[in-house]
Protein backbone atom coordinates (compact mmCIF):
# COMPACT_ATOMS: atom_id res chain seq x y z
CA UNK A 1 -15.29 115.12 19.47
CA UNK A 2 -12.52 113.96 17.13
CA UNK A 3 -11.45 115.86 14.04
CA UNK A 4 -13.10 113.47 11.61
CA UNK A 5 -16.45 114.13 13.28
CA UNK A 6 -15.77 117.88 13.19
CA UNK A 7 -14.85 117.63 9.53
CA UNK A 8 -18.04 115.72 8.73
CA UNK A 9 -20.13 118.33 10.53
CA UNK A 10 -18.34 121.15 8.71
CA UNK A 11 -18.80 119.47 5.32
CA UNK A 12 -22.51 119.02 5.96
CA UNK A 13 -22.90 122.62 7.10
CA UNK A 14 -20.88 123.95 4.15
CA UNK A 15 -23.53 122.64 1.74
CA UNK A 16 -26.16 124.59 3.67
CA UNK A 17 -23.92 127.65 3.85
CA UNK A 18 -23.55 127.68 0.09
CA UNK A 19 -27.33 128.09 -0.22
CA UNK A 20 -27.73 130.94 2.28
CA UNK A 21 -28.63 134.30 0.82
CA UNK A 22 -26.95 137.59 1.65
CA UNK A 23 -29.76 138.64 3.99
CA UNK A 24 -29.46 135.45 6.05
CA UNK A 25 -25.67 135.69 6.29
CA UNK A 26 -25.88 139.34 7.32
CA UNK A 27 -28.42 138.45 9.99
CA UNK A 28 -26.02 135.86 11.37
CA UNK A 29 -23.11 138.31 11.42
CA UNK A 30 -25.11 140.98 13.22
CA UNK A 31 -26.34 138.44 15.77
CA UNK A 32 -22.75 137.30 16.34
CA UNK A 33 -21.70 140.95 16.80
CA UNK A 34 -24.39 141.46 19.44
CA UNK A 35 -23.36 138.23 21.18
CA UNK A 36 -19.71 139.32 21.31
CA UNK A 37 -20.66 142.65 22.85
CA UNK A 38 -22.93 140.95 25.37
CA UNK A 39 -20.14 138.52 26.30
CA UNK A 40 -17.43 141.14 26.62
CA UNK A 41 -16.88 140.57 30.35
CA UNK A 42 -16.48 136.81 29.97
CA UNK A 43 -14.16 137.23 26.98
CA UNK A 44 -11.94 139.72 28.82
CA UNK A 45 -11.79 137.50 31.92
CA UNK A 46 -10.73 134.55 29.76
CA UNK A 47 -8.16 136.69 27.97
CA UNK A 48 -6.72 137.97 31.23
CA UNK A 49 -6.07 134.38 32.27
CA UNK A 50 -4.24 133.77 28.97
CA UNK A 51 -2.18 136.96 29.38
CA UNK A 52 -1.18 136.13 32.97
CA UNK A 53 -0.01 132.70 31.89
CA UNK A 54 1.89 134.11 28.90
CA UNK A 55 3.68 136.75 30.98
CA UNK A 56 4.59 134.15 33.59
CA UNK A 57 6.26 132.12 30.81
CA UNK A 58 8.25 135.17 29.70
CA UNK A 59 6.45 135.89 26.42
CA UNK A 60 7.94 138.88 24.55
CA UNK A 61 6.05 142.19 24.92
CA UNK A 62 5.20 142.32 21.22
CA UNK A 63 3.59 138.89 21.38
CA UNK A 64 1.73 139.77 24.59
CA UNK A 65 0.32 142.80 22.78
CA UNK A 66 -0.95 140.47 20.04
CA UNK A 67 -2.57 138.27 22.67
CA UNK A 68 -4.10 140.97 24.85
CA UNK A 69 -7.74 141.99 24.41
CA UNK A 70 -9.29 145.17 25.73
CA UNK A 71 -12.87 146.38 25.75
CA UNK A 72 -12.16 148.44 22.64
CA UNK A 73 -10.56 145.46 20.86
CA UNK A 74 -13.58 143.26 21.61
CA UNK A 75 -15.86 145.98 20.29
CA UNK A 76 -13.62 146.26 17.24
CA UNK A 77 -14.20 142.55 16.59
CA UNK A 78 -17.96 143.09 16.85
CA UNK A 79 -17.70 146.14 14.57
CA UNK A 80 -15.73 143.98 12.15
CA UNK A 81 -18.74 141.66 11.82
CA UNK A 82 -20.92 144.68 11.07
CA UNK A 83 -18.44 145.93 8.49
CA UNK A 84 -18.34 142.54 6.78
CA UNK A 85 -22.14 142.41 6.80
CA UNK A 86 -22.17 145.74 4.95
CA UNK A 87 -19.92 144.42 2.17
CA UNK A 88 -21.29 143.15 -1.11
CA UNK A 89 -21.65 139.36 -1.12
CA UNK A 90 -19.47 137.89 -3.90
CA UNK A 91 -21.29 134.54 -3.92
CA UNK A 92 -23.47 133.98 -6.96
CA UNK A 93 -21.81 136.69 -9.01
CA UNK A 94 -21.58 135.61 -12.65
CA UNK A 95 -18.59 136.84 -14.63
CA UNK A 96 -17.78 136.84 -18.32
CA UNK A 97 -20.97 135.27 -19.66
CA UNK A 98 -20.27 134.87 -23.38
CA UNK A 99 -22.07 133.17 -26.23
CA UNK A 100 -20.08 130.65 -28.25
CA UNK A 101 -20.61 130.19 -32.02
CA UNK A 102 -22.65 127.05 -31.29
CA UNK A 103 -25.09 129.07 -29.19
CA UNK A 104 -23.88 127.94 -25.75
CA UNK A 105 -23.71 130.61 -23.07
CA UNK A 106 -20.60 130.01 -20.91
CA UNK A 107 -19.87 131.99 -17.76
CA UNK A 108 -18.06 131.88 -14.44
CA UNK A 109 -20.06 131.82 -11.23
CA UNK A 110 -18.41 132.68 -7.91
CA UNK A 111 -18.93 130.01 -5.23
CA UNK A 112 -17.58 129.26 -1.72
CA UNK A 113 -14.42 127.23 -1.25
CA UNK A 114 -16.36 124.94 1.11
CA UNK A 115 -14.63 124.06 4.39
CA UNK A 116 -11.68 126.18 5.46
CA UNK A 117 -9.24 125.19 8.20
CA UNK A 118 -7.18 127.87 9.90
CA UNK A 119 -4.16 127.22 12.14
CA UNK A 120 -2.93 130.27 14.04
CA UNK A 121 -1.08 131.33 17.16
CA UNK A 122 -1.61 133.91 19.92
CA UNK A 123 -4.02 136.17 18.02
CA UNK A 124 -7.56 135.90 19.45
CA UNK A 125 -8.79 138.56 17.03
CA UNK A 126 -8.07 136.07 14.22
CA UNK A 127 -10.82 133.89 15.67
CA UNK A 128 -13.39 136.58 15.01
CA UNK A 129 -11.96 137.77 11.69
CA UNK A 130 -11.80 134.23 10.33
CA UNK A 131 -15.38 133.44 11.25
CA UNK A 132 -16.75 136.71 9.85
CA UNK A 133 -15.12 136.42 6.45
CA UNK A 134 -15.72 132.68 6.11
CA UNK A 135 -19.39 133.03 7.07
CA UNK A 136 -20.09 135.91 4.67
CA UNK A 137 -18.35 134.06 1.83
CA UNK A 138 -20.48 130.95 2.50
CA UNK A 139 -17.75 128.76 3.99
CA UNK A 140 -17.70 126.62 7.12
CA UNK A 141 -14.54 127.05 9.19
CA UNK A 142 -12.58 124.85 11.60
CA UNK A 143 -10.22 126.85 13.82
CA UNK A 144 -7.04 125.61 15.49
CA UNK A 145 -5.61 128.33 17.72
CA UNK A 146 -2.50 128.13 19.86
CA UNK A 147 -2.33 127.21 23.53
CA UNK A 148 -1.44 130.80 24.47
CA UNK A 149 -4.93 132.05 23.56
CA UNK A 150 -7.08 128.99 24.21
CA UNK A 151 -9.27 130.50 26.94
CA UNK A 152 -9.87 133.64 24.86
CA UNK A 153 -10.68 131.61 21.75
CA UNK A 154 -13.10 129.35 23.59
CA UNK A 155 -14.97 132.38 24.96
CA UNK A 156 -15.11 134.12 21.56
CA UNK A 157 -16.36 131.03 19.71
CA UNK A 158 -18.92 130.32 22.43
CA UNK A 159 -20.36 133.81 21.97
CA UNK A 160 -20.39 133.52 18.16
CA UNK A 161 -22.16 130.17 18.24
CA UNK A 162 -24.77 131.57 20.66
CA UNK A 163 -25.34 134.44 18.26
CA UNK A 164 -25.83 132.10 15.30
CA UNK A 165 -28.21 129.94 17.28
CA UNK A 166 -30.30 132.97 18.25
CA UNK A 167 -30.55 133.88 14.55
CA UNK A 168 -31.70 130.36 13.62
CA UNK A 169 -28.49 129.64 11.72
CA UNK A 170 -26.14 126.64 12.03
CA UNK A 171 -23.74 126.91 14.97
CA UNK A 172 -21.35 124.46 13.31
CA UNK A 173 -20.51 127.09 10.69
CA UNK A 174 -17.64 127.72 13.15
CA UNK A 175 -15.90 125.04 15.20
CA UNK A 176 -12.86 125.40 17.45
CA UNK A 177 -10.46 122.55 18.15
CA UNK A 178 -10.01 122.70 21.93
CA UNK A 179 -6.98 120.40 21.94
CA UNK A 180 -3.93 122.67 21.54
CA UNK A 181 -1.42 119.86 21.05
CA UNK A 182 0.69 119.26 17.97
CA UNK A 183 -0.99 115.98 17.14
CA UNK A 184 -4.34 117.67 16.55
CA UNK A 185 -2.59 120.17 14.27
CA UNK A 186 -1.02 117.34 12.28
CA UNK A 187 -4.39 115.60 12.05
CA UNK A 188 -5.99 118.80 10.73
CA UNK A 189 -3.27 119.07 8.07
CA UNK A 190 -4.36 115.64 6.78
CA UNK A 191 -8.12 116.07 6.93
CA UNK A 192 -8.54 115.32 3.24
CA UNK A 193 -12.09 114.77 2.13
CA UNK A 194 -13.37 117.33 4.63
CA UNK A 195 -11.13 120.39 4.37
CA UNK A 196 -10.98 122.18 1.03
CA UNK A 197 -8.12 124.48 2.00
CA UNK A 198 -5.88 125.12 5.02
CA UNK A 199 -4.57 128.60 5.94
CA UNK A 200 -1.73 128.96 8.48
CA UNK A 201 -1.33 132.33 10.17
CA UNK A 202 1.57 132.92 12.54
CA UNK A 203 5.33 132.53 12.84
CA UNK A 204 7.66 131.44 10.07
CA UNK A 205 8.06 128.11 11.87
CA UNK A 206 4.32 127.46 11.99
CA UNK A 207 3.84 128.36 8.34
CA UNK A 208 6.78 126.22 7.23
CA UNK A 209 5.47 123.25 9.23
CA UNK A 210 2.03 123.49 7.63
CA UNK A 211 3.39 123.95 4.11
CA UNK A 212 5.78 120.99 4.46
CA UNK A 213 3.40 118.58 6.19
CA UNK A 214 -0.10 119.30 4.93
CA UNK A 215 -1.82 116.99 2.45
CA UNK A 216 -4.64 119.52 2.19
CA UNK A 217 -4.13 122.46 -0.22
CA UNK A 218 -2.52 125.40 1.61
CA UNK A 219 -2.73 129.16 1.14
CA UNK A 220 0.49 130.45 2.66
CA UNK A 221 0.33 133.62 4.72
CA UNK A 222 3.86 134.85 5.19
CA UNK A 223 5.97 136.49 7.81
CA UNK A 224 6.74 140.16 7.42
CA UNK A 225 10.33 141.31 7.01
CA UNK A 226 9.00 144.62 5.70
CA UNK A 227 11.41 147.24 4.29
CA UNK A 228 11.36 151.00 3.94
CA UNK A 229 13.82 152.59 1.50
CA UNK A 230 14.74 156.24 2.13
CA UNK A 231 15.72 157.59 -1.28
CA UNK A 232 18.22 160.40 -1.92
CA UNK A 233 15.36 162.85 -2.56
CA UNK A 234 13.27 161.89 0.48
CA UNK A 235 11.63 164.49 2.69
CA UNK A 236 13.35 163.85 6.03
CA UNK A 237 10.38 164.71 8.24
CA UNK A 238 8.07 162.51 6.19
CA UNK A 239 10.59 159.67 6.35
CA UNK A 240 11.00 159.97 10.12
CA UNK A 241 7.24 160.04 10.71
CA UNK A 242 6.60 157.04 8.46
CA UNK A 243 9.44 154.94 9.91
CA UNK A 244 8.41 155.79 13.47
CA UNK A 245 4.83 154.72 12.73
CA UNK A 246 5.78 151.59 10.79
CA UNK A 247 8.27 150.43 13.43
CA UNK A 248 6.72 151.42 16.74
CA UNK A 249 2.93 151.75 16.49
CA UNK A 250 2.59 147.98 17.05
CA UNK A 251 5.78 145.94 17.08
CA UNK A 252 4.21 142.48 17.11
CA UNK A 253 2.42 142.63 13.76
CA UNK A 254 3.50 141.34 10.37
CA UNK A 255 3.21 144.70 8.61
CA UNK A 256 5.60 146.50 10.97
CA UNK A 257 8.85 147.77 9.44
CA UNK A 258 11.78 145.54 10.36
CA UNK A 259 14.42 146.65 7.83
CA UNK A 260 15.51 150.07 6.66
CA UNK A 261 17.51 150.87 3.52
CA UNK A 262 19.02 154.36 3.20
CA UNK A 263 20.74 156.07 0.27
CA UNK A 264 24.35 156.71 1.24
CA UNK A 265 24.31 160.32 0.03
CA UNK A 266 21.90 161.39 2.81
CA UNK A 267 22.94 158.96 5.53
CA UNK A 268 25.31 161.30 7.44
CA UNK A 269 22.51 163.82 7.94
CA UNK A 270 19.56 161.44 8.21
CA UNK A 271 20.78 158.67 10.51
CA UNK A 272 21.42 160.86 13.60
CA UNK A 273 17.90 162.28 13.20
CA UNK A 274 16.51 158.75 12.91
CA UNK A 275 18.40 157.57 15.99
CA UNK A 276 17.06 160.48 18.02
CA UNK A 277 13.49 159.82 16.86
CA UNK A 278 13.57 156.08 17.55
CA UNK A 279 15.21 156.64 20.94
CA UNK A 280 11.78 157.86 22.04
CA UNK A 281 10.71 154.19 21.97
CA UNK A 282 14.14 152.71 22.87
CA UNK A 283 14.45 151.07 19.45
CA UNK A 284 17.76 149.29 18.93
CA UNK A 285 19.24 150.02 15.50
CA UNK A 286 21.53 147.40 13.98
CA UNK A 287 23.48 148.83 11.08
CA UNK A 288 26.24 148.07 8.62
CA UNK A 289 29.76 149.30 9.32
CA UNK A 290 29.30 152.78 7.88
CA UNK A 291 25.96 153.33 9.64
CA UNK A 292 27.65 152.63 12.97
CA UNK A 293 30.23 155.35 12.22
CA UNK A 294 27.63 157.92 11.17
CA UNK A 295 25.34 157.80 14.20
CA UNK A 296 26.34 157.14 17.79
CA UNK A 297 24.46 154.26 19.37
CA UNK A 298 23.86 152.18 16.25
CA UNK A 299 25.21 148.68 16.91
CA UNK A 300 26.81 146.36 14.33
CA UNK A 301 24.46 144.16 12.34
CA UNK A 302 25.12 140.53 11.46
CA UNK A 303 24.23 138.97 8.12
CA UNK A 304 21.09 137.35 9.59
CA UNK A 305 19.74 140.77 10.61
CA UNK A 306 18.94 141.64 6.99
CA UNK A 307 16.37 138.81 6.83
CA UNK A 308 14.95 138.84 10.36
CA UNK A 309 11.37 139.60 11.38
CA UNK A 310 12.09 140.87 14.90
CA UNK A 311 8.58 141.57 16.26
CA UNK A 312 10.48 143.71 18.76
CA UNK A 313 11.95 147.19 19.20
CA UNK A 314 14.81 146.41 16.81
CA UNK A 315 15.46 147.74 13.30
CA UNK A 316 18.20 146.87 10.79
CA UNK A 317 19.76 149.59 8.61
CA UNK A 318 21.63 149.07 5.35
CA UNK A 319 23.24 151.85 3.27
CA UNK A 320 23.15 151.66 -0.54
CA UNK A 321 24.56 153.73 -3.40
CA UNK A 322 21.58 153.53 -5.76
CA UNK A 323 17.97 152.58 -6.29
CA UNK A 324 19.19 149.48 -8.15
CA UNK A 325 21.13 148.35 -5.09
CA UNK A 326 18.16 149.07 -2.83
CA UNK A 327 15.81 147.03 -5.00
CA UNK A 328 18.27 144.14 -5.19
CA UNK A 329 18.76 144.14 -1.39
CA UNK A 330 15.02 144.25 -0.66
CA UNK A 331 14.09 141.55 -3.17
CA UNK A 332 16.84 139.33 -1.74
CA UNK A 333 15.88 139.59 1.92
CA UNK A 334 12.15 140.42 1.78
CA UNK A 335 9.53 137.86 2.74
CA UNK A 336 7.30 139.26 0.00
CA UNK A 337 4.94 141.09 2.37
CA UNK A 338 5.13 144.91 2.25
CA UNK A 339 7.81 147.42 1.20
CA UNK A 340 7.84 151.21 0.93
CA UNK A 341 9.92 153.95 -0.68
CA UNK A 342 10.15 157.51 0.64
CA UNK A 343 10.99 159.76 -2.31
CA UNK A 344 10.17 162.91 -4.27
CA UNK A 345 11.45 161.33 -7.48
CA UNK A 346 8.56 160.15 -9.67
CA UNK A 347 10.75 157.91 -11.82
CA UNK A 348 12.24 156.20 -8.76
CA UNK A 349 8.80 155.74 -7.25
CA UNK A 350 7.53 154.11 -10.44
CA UNK A 351 10.55 151.79 -10.70
CA UNK A 352 10.13 150.77 -7.06
CA UNK A 353 6.45 149.94 -7.65
CA UNK A 354 7.31 147.99 -10.80
CA UNK A 355 10.39 146.08 -9.64
CA UNK A 356 9.80 145.21 -5.98
CA UNK A 357 8.35 141.69 -5.82
CA UNK A 358 6.06 141.90 -2.80
CA UNK A 359 2.34 141.66 -2.14
CA UNK A 360 2.01 145.35 -1.22
CA UNK A 361 4.34 148.14 -2.39
CA UNK A 362 4.01 151.71 -1.12
CA UNK A 363 5.18 155.17 -2.09
CA UNK A 364 5.44 157.67 0.78
CA UNK A 365 3.24 155.73 3.21
CA UNK A 366 3.63 153.36 6.16
CA UNK A 367 3.67 149.60 5.65
CA UNK A 368 1.23 149.38 8.56
CA UNK A 369 -1.63 149.92 6.08
CA UNK A 370 -1.34 146.37 4.72
CA UNK A 371 -4.47 145.22 6.46
CA UNK A 372 -7.85 143.96 5.33
CA UNK A 373 -9.81 146.62 7.18
CA UNK A 374 -7.58 149.41 5.86
CA UNK A 375 -8.00 148.09 2.32
CA UNK A 376 -11.79 148.14 2.67
CA UNK A 377 -12.28 144.37 3.11
CA UNK A 378 -13.89 144.65 6.56
CA UNK A 379 -11.35 142.20 7.98
CA UNK A 380 -8.82 139.70 6.71
CA UNK A 381 -7.93 136.04 7.00
CA UNK A 382 -4.25 136.90 6.63
CA UNK A 383 -1.71 138.43 4.26
CA UNK A 384 -0.90 135.96 1.52
CA UNK A 385 2.70 136.20 0.31
CA UNK A 386 2.32 133.49 -2.29
CA UNK A 387 1.21 134.14 -5.87
CA UNK A 388 -1.33 131.42 -6.62
CA UNK A 389 -4.99 131.89 -5.79
CA UNK A 390 -4.50 134.91 -3.51
CA UNK A 391 -1.88 137.56 -2.75
CA UNK A 392 -1.93 140.32 -0.14
CA UNK A 393 -4.75 140.88 2.38
CA UNK A 394 -7.30 138.12 1.95
CA UNK A 395 -10.89 139.29 2.11
CA UNK A 396 -14.18 137.82 0.95
CA UNK A 397 -13.29 137.36 -2.70
CA UNK A 398 -10.10 135.46 -1.82
CA UNK A 399 -12.23 132.91 0.07
CA UNK A 400 -14.19 131.98 -3.03
CA UNK A 401 -13.56 130.05 -6.22
CA UNK A 402 -15.44 129.76 -9.49
CA UNK A 403 -17.37 127.17 -11.36
CA UNK A 404 -18.36 127.34 -15.00
CA UNK A 405 -22.05 127.55 -15.76
CA UNK A 406 -23.16 126.63 -19.27
CA UNK A 407 -26.62 127.23 -20.71
CA UNK A 408 -27.78 125.65 -23.94
CA UNK A 409 -30.90 124.86 -25.88
CA UNK A 410 -30.26 121.28 -26.96
CA UNK A 411 -26.68 121.43 -28.31
CA UNK A 412 -24.75 118.18 -28.69
CA UNK A 413 -21.09 117.93 -29.58
CA UNK A 414 -20.48 116.74 -33.15
């Protein structure tokens, strides 16, 4: 099937999706959850084939971790459908209904976007998350995953479609492009008339390619050069625990800490403690000249390190003399994803929250919490780092738009 045919099917289904009630959509999600659980063996076998191929090609460990599914991760995808089913349906909600002087009632009604295209890389869990959120928000979705996860994605979508069919709901609410070549990606980027919006999720290169080449409106999900700033008043043990979690819990995710900023007044005492803690996971620390002098084993950083999303056991460290300098450094090199400050100083915490220009800004907590499930959205389509339409973790509401509804009793415009 070519993409035009897929687009036509999706457009047709999207009109039906927009009319489904919450009970019907929840029934479809729960049926899809059951189908995923029932197909766990087939999904894991398909994923193992993808992982073997990826490792044979020398894929980095962090990326292999993104690709790999386990029984618990498959169940987590099924549980994600159940969590989304439990969320309030935003579709049909009417906001700000007001009466004008001429008697007209004018309000905003929340409606689906329509047909959503998603281009992503070696993240088979995105396949499930994207379907769940798009389905609950009344959208049809066309998925274009990467070649690294194609067998996994095919197995997941097959199970979801079987679940929808068993519930008497349209299977074409989710379609997967089986061709993993670049030409099909380019064709999807130009599927005007069928796609209402395109969402890229993956590397900086993928996102840049979609933004620069798409003729379909794009919601940009960004890469994550996430910073943690250790302020002069920071509790050292808290800082060490948060950095260790943010850097090492999962290295191949966009909300992992990649860059550390430390106040110079505490660096001589703090950096050796940090080096010892991160040595537990063999994290390479790349620091500025003074950092290298203060802690044995820190290696010199290059200018490009300040702006790099490593997705690896590597962390950059920059020393600063003030909160002003820390904020300037972070805003310069951040990708606008997630940043944190570790501090006991209320005024500094407030300034950090106010002046850091990122989608999620934390005080005394790990950047790893920037996640749709952690924010109570059930799942997420991605983390938007742009400012128009959506910003931060994108849940159900971010996959909707509004239309004005106007009720009168015979008014005509004079």
